[in-house]
Amino acid sequence: MKRLILAALLVVSAGAHAQQYEEPPPPPPPDEDSDVQAPPPPQTQPTQQAFDQELAPYGHWVVTPEYGRVWVPSVSGDWQPYSDGRWVDSPSGWTFVSYVPWGNVVFHYGRWGWGPRFGWYWVPGFQWAPAWVSWRWMNGYACWSPLAPRGYVYGRTWPGWVVVPHAHFTAPIRRWAIPHAQIGVIVRSARPVRTFPSWRMHADVGRWHRGHGRRR
């Protein structure tokens, strides 16, 4: 009898573990009426002078002992990086398209730190990427956070995580973002993933199979 009970508990435990760590499915494609385009990689590398000119109207520069000169945006207290736009599946990967005029700089170059003195601050970098974020997946939820600069110590109260229902991953983020006070359990239970699968890739594979009569 004890063996039967133990076996049943193992089955339940294994099922719960499998549910917790299932692979994320491809996010849904965007709405048909969406015409948001991801910015392509630049042809030339930017300069610090170009950063200064583009960001000057929207914040101010300060000097820190850890990272030298960093930029602090003029935003509200509840603002956080990678929350004021949407994700677009581009040939470069999941690309963040921002709704703010300075987004093409700070969400595709450099890293973000946070501290009680300045709040969020941007540390310049000169390599372009679709987004500089860390991804996590919890069944039904997509999670991401800005990557901090080298040597930054993440505290237990790191405020960078953004969480949305996976079914609305490609929709405007602020419309579906889970309130920050409610995301702690989701983030702690979520599993790090390299990135989310691409619906574009799955759609192309499906069309190839149909065209060649090999789809099963």
C-alpha atoms as a PDB file:
ATOM      1  CA  MET A   1       0.000   0.000   0.000  1.00  0.00           C
ATOM      2  CA  LYS A   2       2.820   2.385   0.924  1.00  0.00           C
ATOM      3  CA  ARG A   3       4.526   1.594  -2.375  1.00  0.00           C
ATOM      4  CA  LEU A   4       1.353   2.458  -4.305  1.00  0.00           C
ATOM      5  CA  ILE A   5       1.009   5.773  -2.479  1.00  0.00           C
ATOM      6  CA  LEU A   6       4.687   6.596  -3.097  1.00  0.00           C
ATOM      7  CA  ALA A   7       4.353   5.759  -6.804  1.00  0.00           C
ATOM      8  CA  ALA A   8       1.286   7.986  -7.090  1.00  0.00           C
ATOM      9  CA  LEU A   9       3.105  10.868  -5.419  1.00  0.00           C
ATOM     10  CA  LEU A  10       6.034  10.468  -7.808  1.00  0.00           C
ATOM     11  CA  VAL A  11       3.705  10.587 -10.810  1.00  0.00           C
ATOM     12  CA  VAL A  12       2.004  13.752  -9.529  1.00  0.00           C
ATOM     13  CA  SER A  13       5.378  15.357  -8.770  1.00  0.00           C
ATOM     14  CA  ALA A  14       6.767  14.496 -12.203  1.00  0.00           C
ATOM     15  CA  GLY A  15       3.656  15.891 -13.877  1.00  0.00           C
ATOM     16  CA  ALA A  16       3.910  19.159 -11.942  1.00  0.00           C
ATOM     17  CA  HIS A  17       7.602  19.442 -12.785  1.00  0.00           C
ATOM     18  CA  ALA A  18       6.909  18.876 -16.473  1.00  0.00           C
ATOM     19  CA  GLN A  19       4.176  21.501 -16.400  1.00  0.00           C
ATOM     20  CA  GLN A  20       6.456  24.003 -14.691  1.00  0.00           C
ATOM     21  CA  TYR A  21       9.250  23.588 -17.232  1.00  0.00           C
ATOM     22  CA  GLU A  22       7.473  23.071 -20.526  1.00  0.00           C
ATOM     23  CA  GLU A  23       9.039  24.803 -23.507  1.00  0.00           C
ATOM     24  CA  PRO A  24       7.504  28.146 -24.525  1.00  0.00           C
ATOM     25  CA  PRO A  25       5.451  27.959 -27.728  1.00  0.00           C
ATOM     26  CA  PRO A  26       5.968  30.542 -30.463  1.00  0.00           C
ATOM     27  CA  PRO A  27       4.227  33.796 -29.512  1.00  0.00           C
ATOM     28  CA  PRO A  28       1.171  34.665 -31.583  1.00  0.00           C
ATOM     29  CA  PRO A  29       1.691  36.690 -34.767  1.00  0.00           C
ATOM     30  CA  PRO A  30       0.778  40.380 -34.536  1.00  0.00           C
ATOM     31  CA  ASP A  31      -2.655  41.659 -35.407  1.00  0.00           C
ATOM     32  CA  GLU A  32      -3.322  42.037 -39.109  1.00  0.00           C
ATOM     33  CA  ASP A  33      -3.795  45.785 -38.695  1.00  0.00           C
ATOM     34  CA  SER A  34      -0.374  46.189 -37.103  1.00  0.00           C
ATOM     35  CA  ASP A  35       2.144  47.972 -39.332  1.00  0.00           C
ATOM     36  CA  VAL A  36       4.927  48.355 -36.748  1.00  0.00           C
ATOM     37  CA  GLN A  37       8.331  47.725 -38.322  1.00  0.00           C
ATOM     38  CA  ALA A  38      11.477  46.792 -36.432  1.00  0.00           C
ATOM     39  CA  PRO A  39      14.482  49.068 -36.972  1.00  0.00           C
ATOM     40  CA  PRO A  40      17.215  47.388 -39.054  1.00  0.00           C
ATOM     41  CA  PRO A  41      20.795  47.128 -37.781  1.00  0.00           C
ATOM     42  CA  PRO A  42      22.685  50.363 -38.483  1.00  0.00           C
ATOM     43  CA  GLN A  43      25.241  50.573 -41.256  1.00  0.00           C
ATOM     44  CA  THR A  44      27.760  52.513 -39.148  1.00  0.00           C
ATOM     45  CA  GLN A  45      28.796  52.395 -35.513  1.00  0.00           C
ATOM     46  CA  PRO A  46      27.504  55.333 -33.416  1.00  0.00           C
ATOM     47  CA  THR A  47      29.691  57.727 -31.450  1.00  0.00           C
ATOM     48  CA  GLN A  48      29.386  59.221 -27.998  1.00  0.00           C
ATOM     49  CA  GLN A  49      28.762  62.588 -29.638  1.00  0.00           C
ATOM     50  CA  ALA A  50      25.798  61.147 -31.532  1.00  0.00           C
ATOM     51  CA  PHE A  51      24.398  59.741 -28.280  1.00  0.00           C
ATOM     52  CA  ASP A  52      24.794  63.137 -26.607  1.00  0.00           C
ATOM     53  CA  GLN A  53      22.916  64.924 -29.364  1.00  0.00           C
ATOM     54  CA  GLU A  54      20.033  62.436 -29.567  1.00  0.00           C
ATOM     55  CA  LEU A  55      19.484  62.060 -25.828  1.00  0.00           C
ATOM     56  CA  ALA A  56      20.099  65.613 -24.606  1.00  0.00           C
ATOM     57  CA  PRO A  57      16.440  66.778 -24.945  1.00  0.00           C
ATOM     58  CA  TYR A  58      15.074  63.812 -22.976  1.00  0.00           C
ATOM     59  CA  GLY A  59      17.243  63.551 -19.868  1.00  0.00           C
ATOM     60  CA  HIS A  60      20.626  64.466 -18.418  1.00  0.00           C
ATOM     61  CA  TRP A  61      24.098  62.978 -18.062  1.00  0.00           C
ATOM     62  CA  VAL A  62      25.732  62.296 -14.699  1.00  0.00           C
ATOM     63  CA  VAL A  63      29.105  60.862 -13.715  1.00  0.00           C
ATOM     64  CA  THR A  64      29.177  57.743 -11.556  1.00  0.00           C
ATOM     65  CA  PRO A  65      32.216  56.129  -9.889  1.00  0.00           C
ATOM     66  CA  GLU A  66      31.268  52.700 -11.253  1.00  0.00           C
ATOM     67  CA  TYR A  67      30.519  53.419 -14.918  1.00  0.00           C
ATOM     68  CA  GLY A  68      31.650  56.943 -15.631  1.00  0.00           C
ATOM     69  CA  ARG A  69      29.218  59.069 -17.615  1.00  0.00           C
ATOM     70  CA  VAL A  70      25.660  57.667 -17.722  1.00  0.00           C
ATOM     71  CA  TRP A  71      22.339  59.024 -18.955  1.00  0.00           C
ATOM     72  CA  VAL A  72      19.257  59.455 -16.737  1.00  0.00           C
ATOM     73  CA  PRO A  73      15.943  59.787 -18.627  1.00  0.00           C
ATOM     74  CA  SER A  74      13.272  62.288 -17.604  1.00  0.00           C
ATOM     75  CA  VAL A  75      10.520  59.770 -16.802  1.00  0.00           C
ATOM     76  CA  SER A  76       7.938  59.085 -14.114  1.00  0.00           C
ATOM     77  CA  GLY A  77       8.835  57.150 -10.994  1.00  0.00           C
ATOM     78  CA  ASP A  78       7.063  53.961 -12.080  1.00  0.00           C
ATOM     79  CA  TRP A  79       8.755  53.810 -15.489  1.00  0.00           C
ATOM     80  CA  GLN A  80      11.040  50.912 -16.392  1.00  0.00           C
ATOM     81  CA  PRO A  81      13.036  49.984 -19.502  1.00  0.00           C
ATOM     82  CA  TYR A  82      11.470  47.840 -22.231  1.00  0.00           C
ATOM     83  CA  SER A  83       7.934  48.581 -21.098  1.00  0.00           C
ATOM     84  CA  ASP A  84       6.875  51.390 -23.418  1.00  0.00           C
ATOM     85  CA  GLY A  85       6.666  49.644 -26.785  1.00  0.00           C
ATOM     86  CA  ARG A  86       6.121  46.213 -28.314  1.00  0.00           C
ATOM     87  CA  TRP A  87       8.059  43.206 -29.614  1.00  0.00           C
ATOM     88  CA  VAL A  88       8.393  42.624 -33.342  1.00  0.00           C
ATOM     89  CA  ASP A  89       9.641  39.377 -34.871  1.00  0.00           C
ATOM     90  CA  SER A  90      12.313  40.547 -37.315  1.00  0.00           C
ATOM     91  CA  PRO A  91      15.137  38.829 -39.239  1.00  0.00           C
ATOM     92  CA  SER A  92      17.426  39.958 -36.396  1.00  0.00           C
ATOM     93  CA  GLY A  93      15.272  38.225 -33.752  1.00  0.00           C
ATOM     94  CA  TRP A  94      12.727  39.627 -31.322  1.00  0.00           C
ATOM     95  CA  THR A  95      13.275  43.361 -31.658  1.00  0.00           C
ATOM     96  CA  PHE A  96      11.998  45.967 -29.247  1.00  0.00           C
ATOM     97  CA  VAL A  97      10.176  48.836 -30.938  1.00  0.00           C
ATOM     98  CA  SER A  98       9.815  51.755 -28.551  1.00  0.00           C
ATOM     99  CA  TYR A  99       7.149  54.442 -28.542  1.00  0.00           C
ATOM    100  CA  VAL A 100       9.499  57.107 -27.141  1.00  0.00           C
ATOM    101  CA  PRO A 101      11.703  59.233 -29.445  1.00  0.00           C
ATOM    102  CA  TRP A 102      14.924  58.181 -27.691  1.00  0.00           C
ATOM    103  CA  GLY A 103      14.178  54.462 -27.823  1.00  0.00           C
ATOM    104  CA  ASN A 104      16.275  53.644 -30.891  1.00  0.00           C
ATOM    105  CA  VAL A 105      19.375  54.513 -28.876  1.00  0.00           C
ATOM    106  CA  VAL A 106      18.892  53.182 -25.369  1.00  0.00           C
ATOM    107  CA  PHE A 107      17.026  49.945 -26.193  1.00  0.00           C
ATOM    108  CA  HIS A 108      19.464  48.783 -28.877  1.00  0.00           C
ATOM    109  CA  TYR A 109      22.766  49.909 -27.373  1.00  0.00           C
ATOM    110  CA  GLY A 110      24.199  49.770 -23.870  1.00  0.00           C
ATOM    111  CA  ARG A 111      22.821  48.455 -20.586  1.00  0.00           C
ATOM    112  CA  TRP A 112      20.566  49.660 -17.784  1.00  0.00           C
ATOM    113  CA  GLY A 113      21.271  50.000 -14.074  1.00  0.00           C
ATOM    114  CA  TRP A 114      19.099  51.136 -11.189  1.00  0.00           C
ATOM    115  CA  GLY A 115      19.899  52.843  -7.907  1.00  0.00           C
ATOM    116  CA  PRO A 116      18.086  54.865  -5.240  1.00  0.00           C
ATOM    117  CA  ARG A 117      19.992  58.045  -6.138  1.00  0.00           C
ATOM    118  CA  PHE A 118      19.142  58.326  -9.854  1.00  0.00           C
ATOM    119  CA  GLY A 119      16.555  55.633 -10.443  1.00  0.00           C
ATOM    120  CA  TRP A 120      17.098  54.104 -13.885  1.00  0.00           C
ATOM    121  CA  TYR A 121      20.265  55.091 -15.726  1.00  0.00           C
ATOM    122  CA  TRP A 122      21.648  54.029 -19.091  1.00  0.00           C
ATOM    123  CA  VAL A 123      25.288  53.017 -19.537  1.00  0.00           C
ATOM    124  CA  PRO A 124      26.405  53.634 -23.136  1.00  0.00           C
ATOM    125  CA  GLY A 125      27.497  50.779 -25.361  1.00  0.00           C
ATOM    126  CA  PHE A 126      28.389  50.786 -29.029  1.00  0.00           C
ATOM    127  CA  GLN A 127      27.242  47.347 -30.210  1.00  0.00           C
ATOM    128  CA  TRP A 128      23.741  47.135 -31.710  1.00  0.00           C
ATOM    129  CA  ALA A 129      21.303  44.377 -30.735  1.00  0.00           C
ATOM    130  CA  PRO A 130      17.542  43.800 -31.230  1.00  0.00           C
ATOM    131  CA  ALA A 131      17.305  44.230 -27.443  1.00  0.00           C
ATOM    132  CA  TRP A 132      19.637  43.809 -24.479  1.00  0.00           C
ATOM    133  CA  VAL A 133      17.404  41.738 -22.201  1.00  0.00           C
ATOM    134  CA  SER A 134      17.269  38.545 -20.184  1.00  0.00           C
ATOM    135  CA  TRP A 135      14.300  36.246 -20.905  1.00  0.00           C
ATOM    136  CA  ARG A 136      12.273  33.969 -18.637  1.00  0.00           C
ATOM    137  CA  TRP A 137       9.291  31.731 -19.280  1.00  0.00           C
ATOM    138  CA  MET A 138       6.517  30.586 -16.950  1.00  0.00           C
ATOM    139  CA  ASN A 139       3.570  28.635 -18.355  1.00  0.00           C
ATOM    140  CA  GLY A 140       1.360  31.289 -19.879  1.00  0.00           C
ATOM    141  CA  TYR A 141       3.678  34.224 -19.093  1.00  0.00           C
ATOM    142  CA  ALA A 142       6.551  35.898 -20.927  1.00  0.00           C
ATOM    143  CA  CYS A 143       9.101  37.720 -18.747  1.00  0.00           C
ATOM    144  CA  TRP A 144      12.053  39.932 -19.609  1.00  0.00           C
ATOM    145  CA  SER A 145      14.434  42.327 -17.886  1.00  0.00           C
ATOM    146  CA  PRO A 146      17.116  44.740 -19.119  1.00  0.00           C
ATOM    147  CA  LEU A 147      20.675  43.490 -18.818  1.00  0.00           C
ATOM    148  CA  ALA A 148      22.724  45.520 -16.371  1.00  0.00           C
ATOM    149  CA  PRO A 149      26.286  46.701 -17.052  1.00  0.00           C
ATOM    150  CA  ARG A 150      29.272  44.511 -16.283  1.00  0.00           C
ATOM    151  CA  GLY A 151      29.950  44.206 -12.562  1.00  0.00           C
ATOM    152  CA  TYR A 152      26.483  45.343 -11.501  1.00  0.00           C
ATOM    153  CA  VAL A 153      25.104  43.527  -8.447  1.00  0.00           C
ATOM    154  CA  TYR A 154      21.437  42.634  -8.814  1.00  0.00           C
ATOM    155  CA  GLY A 155      19.592  43.146  -5.559  1.00  0.00           C
ATOM    156  CA  ARG A 156      16.640  41.110  -4.325  1.00  0.00           C
ATOM    157  CA  THR A 157      14.392  44.034  -5.169  1.00  0.00           C
ATOM    158  CA  TRP A 158      15.585  44.423  -8.777  1.00  0.00           C
ATOM    159  CA  PRO A 159      12.750  46.402 -10.407  1.00  0.00           C
ATOM    160  CA  GLY A 160      13.513  45.535 -14.016  1.00  0.00           C
ATOM    161  CA  TRP A 161      11.205  42.603 -14.745  1.00  0.00           C
ATOM    162  CA  VAL A 162       8.292  43.050 -17.124  1.00  0.00           C
ATOM    163  CA  VAL A 163       5.669  40.288 -17.378  1.00  0.00           C
ATOM    164  CA  VAL A 164       2.833  39.884 -19.877  1.00  0.00           C
ATOM    165  CA  PRO A 165       0.475  37.013 -20.702  1.00  0.00           C
ATOM    166  CA  HIS A 166       2.180  34.986 -23.421  1.00  0.00           C
ATOM    167  CA  ALA A 167      -0.923  35.209 -25.623  1.00  0.00           C
ATOM    168  CA  HIS A 168      -0.373  38.993 -25.833  1.00  0.00           C
ATOM    169  CA  PHE A 169       3.403  39.026 -26.185  1.00  0.00           C
ATOM    170  CA  THR A 170       3.291  40.863 -29.529  1.00  0.00           C
ATOM    171  CA  ALA A 171       0.696  43.441 -28.410  1.00  0.00           C
ATOM    172  CA  PRO A 172       1.495  46.882 -26.950  1.00  0.00           C
ATOM    173  CA  ILE A 173       3.129  46.081 -23.633  1.00  0.00           C
ATOM    174  CA  ARG A 174       1.504  48.655 -21.367  1.00  0.00           C
ATOM    175  CA  ARG A 175      -1.916  47.345 -22.358  1.00  0.00           C
ATOM    176  CA  TRP A 176      -1.189  43.863 -20.970  1.00  0.00           C
ATOM    177  CA  ALA A 177       1.674  44.201 -18.472  1.00  0.00           C
ATOM    178  CA  ILE A 178       1.034  42.527 -15.120  1.00  0.00           C
ATOM    179  CA  PRO A 179       1.217  45.075 -12.243  1.00  0.00           C
ATOM    180  CA  HIS A 180       4.668  45.064 -10.711  1.00  0.00           C
ATOM    181  CA  ALA A 181       3.328  44.225  -7.253  1.00  0.00           C
ATOM    182  CA  GLN A 182       1.954  40.939  -8.624  1.00  0.00           C
ATOM    183  CA  ILE A 183       4.876  39.591 -10.659  1.00  0.00           C
ATOM    184  CA  GLY A 184       7.173  38.378  -7.874  1.00  0.00           C
ATOM    185  CA  VAL A 185       5.850  34.813  -7.756  1.00  0.00           C
ATOM    186  CA  ILE A 186       5.819  34.543 -11.554  1.00  0.00           C
ATOM    187  CA  VAL A 187       9.408  35.730 -11.963  1.00  0.00           C
ATOM    188  CA  ARG A 188      10.735  33.515  -9.164  1.00  0.00           C
ATOM    189  CA  SER A 189       8.989  30.473 -10.657  1.00  0.00           C
ATOM    190  CA  ALA A 190       9.956  31.253 -14.245  1.00  0.00           C
ATOM    191  CA  ARG A 191      12.751  29.457 -16.064  1.00  0.00           C
ATOM    192  CA  PRO A 192      15.510  31.330 -17.924  1.00  0.00           C
ATOM    193  CA  VAL A 193      15.376  30.796 -21.683  1.00  0.00           C
ATOM    194  CA  ARG A 194      17.737  31.929 -24.413  1.00  0.00           C
ATOM    195  CA  THR A 195      14.899  33.593 -26.320  1.00  0.00           C
ATOM    196  CA  PHE A 196      11.335  32.892 -27.404  1.00  0.00           C
ATOM    197  CA  PRO A 197      10.637  30.853 -30.546  1.00  0.00           C
ATOM    198  CA  SER A 198       9.868  32.795 -33.684  1.00  0.00           C
ATOM    199  CA  TRP A 199       6.397  32.604 -35.220  1.00  0.00           C
ATOM    200  CA  ARG A 200       8.005  33.863 -38.446  1.00  0.00           C
ATOM    201  CA  MET A 201      10.234  30.790 -38.609  1.00  0.00           C
ATOM    202  CA  HIS A 202       7.328  28.436 -37.927  1.00  0.00           C
ATOM    203  CA  ALA A 203       5.211  30.151 -40.586  1.00  0.00           C
ATOM    204  CA  ASP A 204       8.024  29.875 -43.161  1.00  0.00           C
ATOM    205  CA  VAL A 205       8.548  26.186 -42.365  1.00  0.00           C
ATOM    206  CA  GLY A 206       4.814  25.541 -42.740  1.00  0.00           C
ATOM    207  CA  ARG A 207       4.699  27.269 -46.117  1.00  0.00           C
ATOM    208  CA  TRP A 208       7.754  25.297 -47.292  1.00  0.00           C
ATOM    209  CA  HIS A 209       6.134  21.982 -46.326  1.00  0.00           C
ATOM    210  CA  ARG A 210       2.869  22.874 -48.027  1.00  0.00           C
ATOM    211  CA  GLY A 211       4.669  23.975 -51.179  1.00  0.00           C
ATOM    212  CA  HIS A 212       6.612  20.735 -51.418  1.00  0.00           C
ATOM    213  CA  GLY A 213       3.835  18.412 -50.320  1.00  0.00           C
ATOM    214  CA  ARG A 214       5.826  17.190 -47.321  1.00  0.00           C
ATOM    215  CA  ARG A 215       3.816  18.496 -44.428  1.00  0.00           C
ATOM    216  CA  ARG A 216       2.712  15.783 -42.009  1.00  0.00           C
END
